[in-house]
Amino acid sequence: MAPEITIRTGPKPGDLGTVLAMHGRFYAREYGFDERFEAHVARGLAAFAAALGEARDAPGADPGLLWLAERDGEVVGTVALTDEGAGVAQLRWFLVSPAARGAGVGRRLIRALLDHARDRDFEQVKLWTVGQLEAAAHLYLDAGFRCVERKSVQQWGQRLEELQYRLDLRGS
């Protein structure tokens, strides 16, 4: 019998480094992204960590939350929600390890994130992704997101189709 996959919130010490390492390794191996992608993820995680620290000093602030899927103490999936202001949240750093795919981990992570967004009264959740991530796009569409923008870009050593998805939470 396979070990159970659990979902917990974070971050706790080391989690942000794990998210960064997972993204750097996975996207280099699977899609040929170069070190600029890892730097992009690192900048976002650094801003997230700074906002978390500021929130501890300002009661009532809610900069966002990170969810981690774990199996036998190993992180096998991640997703985060950040507050972008004006009632808009952003889904970020969504990744499920290839070894954990097909077990519903991605759906569970997205469901936890959207439940939190609704509890916090966000009006909308947005995300940016690239066209190659078809399995993730399928999960986003199943959750009610709609693709609202596409553009061709040269970044991270690749020619990519960058996509923006949005989900309106008002009335949902």
C-alpha atoms as a PDB file:
ATOM      1  CA  MET A   1       0.000   0.000   0.000  1.00  0.00           C
ATOM      2  CA  ALA A   2       1.335   3.450  -0.967  1.00  0.00           C
ATOM      3  CA  PRO A   3       1.986   5.932   1.842  1.00  0.00           C
ATOM      4  CA  GLU A   4      -0.722   8.552   2.354  1.00  0.00           C
ATOM      5  CA  ILE A   5      -0.243  12.027   0.940  1.00  0.00           C
ATOM      6  CA  THR A   6      -1.149  14.755   3.416  1.00  0.00           C
ATOM      7  CA  ILE A   7      -1.624  18.480   2.867  1.00  0.00           C
ATOM      8  CA  ARG A   8      -0.361  21.036   5.363  1.00  0.00           C
ATOM      9  CA  THR A   9      -0.080  24.800   5.411  1.00  0.00           C
ATOM     10  CA  GLY A  10       3.121  26.721   5.765  1.00  0.00           C
ATOM     11  CA  PRO A  11       5.592  27.963   5.385  1.00  0.00           C
ATOM     12  CA  LYS A  12       7.762  26.590   8.107  1.00  0.00           C
ATOM     13  CA  PRO A  13      11.560  26.987   8.010  1.00  0.00           C
ATOM     14  CA  GLY A  14      12.961  25.372   4.869  1.00  0.00           C
ATOM     15  CA  ASP A  15       9.674  25.232   2.942  1.00  0.00           C
ATOM     16  CA  LEU A  16      10.424  28.167   0.661  1.00  0.00           C
ATOM     17  CA  GLY A  17      13.808  26.689  -0.238  1.00  0.00           C
ATOM     18  CA  THR A  18      12.095  23.395  -1.032  1.00  0.00           C
ATOM     19  CA  VAL A  19       9.597  25.151  -3.312  1.00  0.00           C
ATOM     20  CA  LEU A  20      12.457  26.934  -5.093  1.00  0.00           C
ATOM     21  CA  ALA A  21      14.537  23.770  -5.516  1.00  0.00           C
ATOM     22  CA  MET A  22      11.571  21.742  -6.786  1.00  0.00           C
ATOM     23  CA  HIS A  23      10.704  24.396  -9.377  1.00  0.00           C
ATOM     24  CA  GLY A  24      14.300  24.889 -10.506  1.00  0.00           C
ATOM     25  CA  ARG A  25      14.968  21.179 -10.991  1.00  0.00           C
ATOM     26  CA  PHE A  26      11.606  20.244 -12.480  1.00  0.00           C
ATOM     27  CA  TYR A  27      11.352  23.024 -15.057  1.00  0.00           C
ATOM     28  CA  ALA A  28      14.982  22.592 -16.158  1.00  0.00           C
ATOM     29  CA  ARG A  29      14.546  18.827 -16.571  1.00  0.00           C
ATOM     30  CA  GLU A  30      11.065  18.801 -18.127  1.00  0.00           C
ATOM     31  CA  TYR A  31      11.048  22.008 -20.207  1.00  0.00           C
ATOM     32  CA  GLY A  32      14.654  23.165 -20.523  1.00  0.00           C
ATOM     33  CA  PHE A  33      14.146  26.373 -18.539  1.00  0.00           C
ATOM     34  CA  ASP A  34      17.428  28.006 -17.598  1.00  0.00           C
ATOM     35  CA  GLU A  35      18.627  29.600 -14.353  1.00  0.00           C
ATOM     36  CA  ARG A  36      16.618  32.763 -15.056  1.00  0.00           C
ATOM     37  CA  PHE A  37      13.444  30.836 -14.247  1.00  0.00           C
ATOM     38  CA  GLU A  38      14.815  29.812 -10.871  1.00  0.00           C
ATOM     39  CA  ALA A  39      15.793  33.455 -10.248  1.00  0.00           C
ATOM     40  CA  HIS A  40      12.228  34.515 -11.154  1.00  0.00           C
ATOM     41  CA  VAL A  41      10.766  32.042  -8.651  1.00  0.00           C
ATOM     42  CA  ALA A  42      13.335  33.107  -6.019  1.00  0.00           C
ATOM     43  CA  ARG A  43      12.348  36.780  -6.358  1.00  0.00           C
ATOM     44  CA  GLY A  44       8.680  35.932  -5.859  1.00  0.00           C
ATOM     45  CA  LEU A  45       9.400  33.701  -2.876  1.00  0.00           C
ATOM     46  CA  ALA A  46      11.624  36.380  -1.318  1.00  0.00           C
ATOM     47  CA  ALA A  47       8.824  38.953  -1.619  1.00  0.00           C
ATOM     48  CA  PHE A  48       6.392  36.418  -0.142  1.00  0.00           C
ATOM     49  CA  ALA A  49       8.715  35.763   2.816  1.00  0.00           C
ATOM     50  CA  ALA A  50       9.163  39.503   3.410  1.00  0.00           C
ATOM     51  CA  ALA A  51       5.377  40.041   3.363  1.00  0.00           C
ATOM     52  CA  LEU A  52       4.926  37.193   5.849  1.00  0.00           C
ATOM     53  CA  GLY A  53       7.424  38.839   8.189  1.00  0.00           C
ATOM     54  CA  GLU A  54       5.711  42.213   7.874  1.00  0.00           C
ATOM     55  CA  ALA A  55       2.321  40.585   8.552  1.00  0.00           C
ATOM     56  CA  ARG A  56       3.589  39.219  11.861  1.00  0.00           C
ATOM     57  CA  ASP A  57       4.307  42.815  12.850  1.00  0.00           C
ATOM     58  CA  ALA A  58       0.925  44.138  11.622  1.00  0.00           C
ATOM     59  CA  PRO A  59      -2.017  42.286  13.187  1.00  0.00           C
ATOM     60  CA  GLY A  60      -4.777  41.570  10.704  1.00  0.00           C
ATOM     61  CA  ALA A  61      -2.518  41.534   7.641  1.00  0.00           C
ATOM     62  CA  ASP A  62      -2.821  38.434   5.464  1.00  0.00           C
ATOM     63  CA  PRO A  63      -0.089  38.255   2.815  1.00  0.00           C
ATOM     64  CA  GLY A  64      -1.010  34.746   1.717  1.00  0.00           C
ATOM     65  CA  LEU A  65      -0.480  31.123   2.492  1.00  0.00           C
ATOM     66  CA  LEU A  66       1.469  28.138   1.209  1.00  0.00           C
ATOM     67  CA  TRP A  67       0.157  24.576   0.984  1.00  0.00           C
ATOM     68  CA  LEU A  68       2.474  21.588   0.768  1.00  0.00           C
ATOM     69  CA  ALA A  69       1.594  18.006  -0.074  1.00  0.00           C
ATOM     70  CA  GLU A  70       3.823  15.498   1.710  1.00  0.00           C
ATOM     71  CA  ARG A  71       4.388  11.773   1.496  1.00  0.00           C
ATOM     72  CA  ASP A  72       6.675  10.170   4.090  1.00  0.00           C
ATOM     73  CA  GLY A  73       8.000  13.612   5.065  1.00  0.00           C
ATOM     74  CA  GLU A  74       8.923  14.525   1.475  1.00  0.00           C
ATOM     75  CA  VAL A  75       7.235  17.476  -0.240  1.00  0.00           C
ATOM     76  CA  VAL A  76       5.552  16.195  -3.405  1.00  0.00           C
ATOM     77  CA  GLY A  77       3.383  19.211  -4.233  1.00  0.00           C
ATOM     78  CA  THR A  78       3.103  22.930  -3.609  1.00  0.00           C
ATOM     79  CA  VAL A  79       0.811  25.854  -4.252  1.00  0.00           C
ATOM     80  CA  ALA A  80       0.551  29.323  -2.734  1.00  0.00           C
ATOM     81  CA  LEU A  81      -1.912  32.189  -2.654  1.00  0.00           C
ATOM     82  CA  THR A  82      -0.694  35.773  -2.468  1.00  0.00           C
ATOM     83  CA  ASP A  83      -2.724  38.917  -1.888  1.00  0.00           C
ATOM     84  CA  GLU A  84      -2.324  41.213  -4.889  1.00  0.00           C
ATOM     85  CA  GLY A  85      -4.600  43.933  -3.468  1.00  0.00           C
ATOM     86  CA  ALA A  86      -8.022  45.238  -4.509  1.00  0.00           C
ATOM     87  CA  GLY A  87      -9.702  41.889  -3.767  1.00  0.00           C
ATOM     88  CA  VAL A  88      -7.433  39.944  -6.129  1.00  0.00           C
ATOM     89  CA  ALA A  89      -5.328  36.954  -5.081  1.00  0.00           C
ATOM     90  CA  GLN A  90      -2.749  35.128  -7.158  1.00  0.00           C
ATOM     91  CA  LEU A  91      -2.227  31.377  -7.341  1.00  0.00           C
ATOM     92  CA  ARG A  92       1.526  30.775  -7.434  1.00  0.00           C
ATOM     93  CA  TRP A  93       4.139  28.009  -7.351  1.00  0.00           C
ATOM     94  CA  PHE A  94       1.787  25.160  -8.241  1.00  0.00           C
ATOM     95  CA  LEU A  95       3.729  21.968  -8.822  1.00  0.00           C
ATOM     96  CA  VAL A  96       3.085  18.295  -8.226  1.00  0.00           C
ATOM     97  CA  SER A  97       6.054  15.940  -8.360  1.00  0.00           C
ATOM     98  CA  PRO A  98       5.820  13.495 -11.276  1.00  0.00           C
ATOM     99  CA  ALA A  99       5.913  10.601  -8.777  1.00  0.00           C
ATOM    100  CA  ALA A 100       2.755  11.915  -7.079  1.00  0.00           C
ATOM    101  CA  ARG A 101       0.710  12.737 -10.167  1.00  0.00           C
ATOM    102  CA  GLY A 102      -2.557  10.970 -10.828  1.00  0.00           C
ATOM    103  CA  ALA A 103      -3.396  10.667  -7.119  1.00  0.00           C
ATOM    104  CA  GLY A 104      -5.561  13.809  -6.936  1.00  0.00           C
ATOM    105  CA  VAL A 105      -2.864  15.884  -5.206  1.00  0.00           C
ATOM    106  CA  GLY A 106      -3.185  18.796  -7.625  1.00  0.00           C
ATOM    107  CA  ARG A 107      -6.944  18.967  -7.200  1.00  0.00           C
ATOM    108  CA  ARG A 108      -6.604  18.842  -3.408  1.00  0.00           C
ATOM    109  CA  LEU A 109      -4.053  21.657  -3.400  1.00  0.00           C
ATOM    110  CA  ILE A 110      -6.153  23.874  -5.669  1.00  0.00           C
ATOM    111  CA  ARG A 111      -9.307  23.138  -3.649  1.00  0.00           C
ATOM    112  CA  ALA A 112      -7.539  24.122  -0.391  1.00  0.00           C
ATOM    113  CA  LEU A 113      -6.297  27.331  -1.982  1.00  0.00           C
ATOM    114  CA  LEU A 114      -9.710  28.292  -3.388  1.00  0.00           C
ATOM    115  CA  ASP A 115     -11.481  27.481  -0.109  1.00  0.00           C
ATOM    116  CA  HIS A 116      -9.033  29.816   1.641  1.00  0.00           C
ATOM    117  CA  ALA A 117      -9.533  32.532  -0.995  1.00  0.00           C
ATOM    118  CA  ARG A 118     -13.299  32.342  -0.517  1.00  0.00           C
ATOM    119  CA  ASP A 119     -12.956  32.383   3.290  1.00  0.00           C
ATOM    120  CA  ARG A 120     -10.831  35.532   2.981  1.00  0.00           C
ATOM    121  CA  ASP A 121     -13.454  37.141   0.704  1.00  0.00           C
ATOM    122  CA  PHE A 122     -11.213  37.579  -2.314  1.00  0.00           C
ATOM    123  CA  GLU A 123     -13.240  38.547  -5.368  1.00  0.00           C
ATOM    124  CA  GLN A 124     -10.909  37.038  -7.923  1.00  0.00           C
ATOM    125  CA  VAL A 125      -7.966  34.666  -8.223  1.00  0.00           C
ATOM    126  CA  LYS A 126      -5.536  35.012 -11.097  1.00  0.00           C
ATOM    127  CA  LEU A 127      -2.517  33.025 -12.219  1.00  0.00           C
ATOM    128  CA  TRP A 128       0.140  33.095 -14.903  1.00  0.00           C
ATOM    129  CA  THR A 129       1.403  29.929 -16.558  1.00  0.00           C
ATOM    130  CA  VAL A 130       2.818  28.707 -19.842  1.00  0.00           C
ATOM    131  CA  GLY A 131       1.156  26.723 -22.607  1.00  0.00           C
ATOM    132  CA  GLN A 132       3.247  23.579 -22.151  1.00  0.00           C
ATOM    133  CA  LEU A 133       1.632  22.846 -18.781  1.00  0.00           C
ATOM    134  CA  GLU A 134      -1.449  21.150 -20.208  1.00  0.00           C
ATOM    135  CA  ALA A 135      -2.239  18.978 -17.171  1.00  0.00           C
ATOM    136  CA  ALA A 136      -2.199  22.032 -14.900  1.00  0.00           C
ATOM    137  CA  ALA A 137      -4.371  23.957 -17.382  1.00  0.00           C
ATOM    138  CA  HIS A 138      -6.899  21.111 -17.254  1.00  0.00           C
ATOM    139  CA  LEU A 139      -7.050  21.408 -13.445  1.00  0.00           C
ATOM    140  CA  TYR A 140      -7.453  25.189 -13.644  1.00  0.00           C
ATOM    141  CA  LEU A 141     -10.305  24.897 -16.128  1.00  0.00           C
ATOM    142  CA  ASP A 142     -12.006  22.201 -14.021  1.00  0.00           C
ATOM    143  CA  ALA A 143     -11.822  24.555 -11.026  1.00  0.00           C
ATOM    144  CA  GLY A 144     -13.609  27.284 -13.000  1.00  0.00           C
ATOM    145  CA  PHE A 145     -10.699  29.403 -14.205  1.00  0.00           C
ATOM    146  CA  ARG A 146     -10.850  30.913 -17.682  1.00  0.00           C
ATOM    147  CA  CYS A 147      -7.918  31.853 -19.885  1.00  0.00           C
ATOM    148  CA  VAL A 148      -8.152  35.624 -20.392  1.00  0.00           C
ATOM    149  CA  GLU A 149      -4.824  36.456 -22.014  1.00  0.00           C
ATOM    150  CA  ARG A 150      -2.185  34.748 -24.158  1.00  0.00           C
ATOM    151  CA  LYS A 151       1.025  36.115 -25.525  1.00  0.00           C
ATOM    152  CA  SER A 152       4.140  34.723 -27.107  1.00  0.00           C
ATOM    153  CA  VAL A 153       7.300  35.475 -25.123  1.00  0.00           C
ATOM    154  CA  GLN A 154      10.978  34.609 -25.147  1.00  0.00           C
ATOM    155  CA  GLN A 155      12.022  33.882 -21.577  1.00  0.00           C
ATOM    156  CA  TRP A 156      13.983  31.398 -19.514  1.00  0.00           C
ATOM    157  CA  GLY A 157      15.814  30.296 -22.637  1.00  0.00           C
ATOM    158  CA  GLN A 158      12.614  29.243 -24.435  1.00  0.00           C
ATOM    159  CA  ARG A 159       9.962  30.581 -26.807  1.00  0.00           C
ATOM    160  CA  LEU A 160       6.787  30.215 -24.722  1.00  0.00           C
ATOM    161  CA  GLU A 161       3.112  30.980 -24.836  1.00  0.00           C
ATOM    162  CA  GLU A 162       2.371  32.792 -21.587  1.00  0.00           C
ATOM    163  CA  LEU A 163      -1.207  32.465 -20.350  1.00  0.00           C
ATOM    164  CA  GLN A 164      -3.181  34.315 -17.715  1.00  0.00           C
ATOM    165  CA  TYR A 165      -6.150  32.600 -16.084  1.00  0.00           C
ATOM    166  CA  ARG A 166      -8.744  34.226 -13.832  1.00  0.00           C
ATOM    167  CA  LEU A 167     -11.506  32.924 -11.598  1.00  0.00           C
ATOM    168  CA  ASP A 168     -14.269  35.228 -10.400  1.00  0.00           C
ATOM    169  CA  LEU A 169     -15.215  34.229  -6.843  1.00  0.00           C
ATOM    170  CA  ARG A 170     -18.154  36.617  -6.491  1.00  0.00           C
ATOM    171  CA  GLY A 171     -21.239  34.480  -6.175  1.00  0.00           C
ATOM    172  CA  SER A 172     -19.346  31.187  -6.397  1.00  0.00           C
END
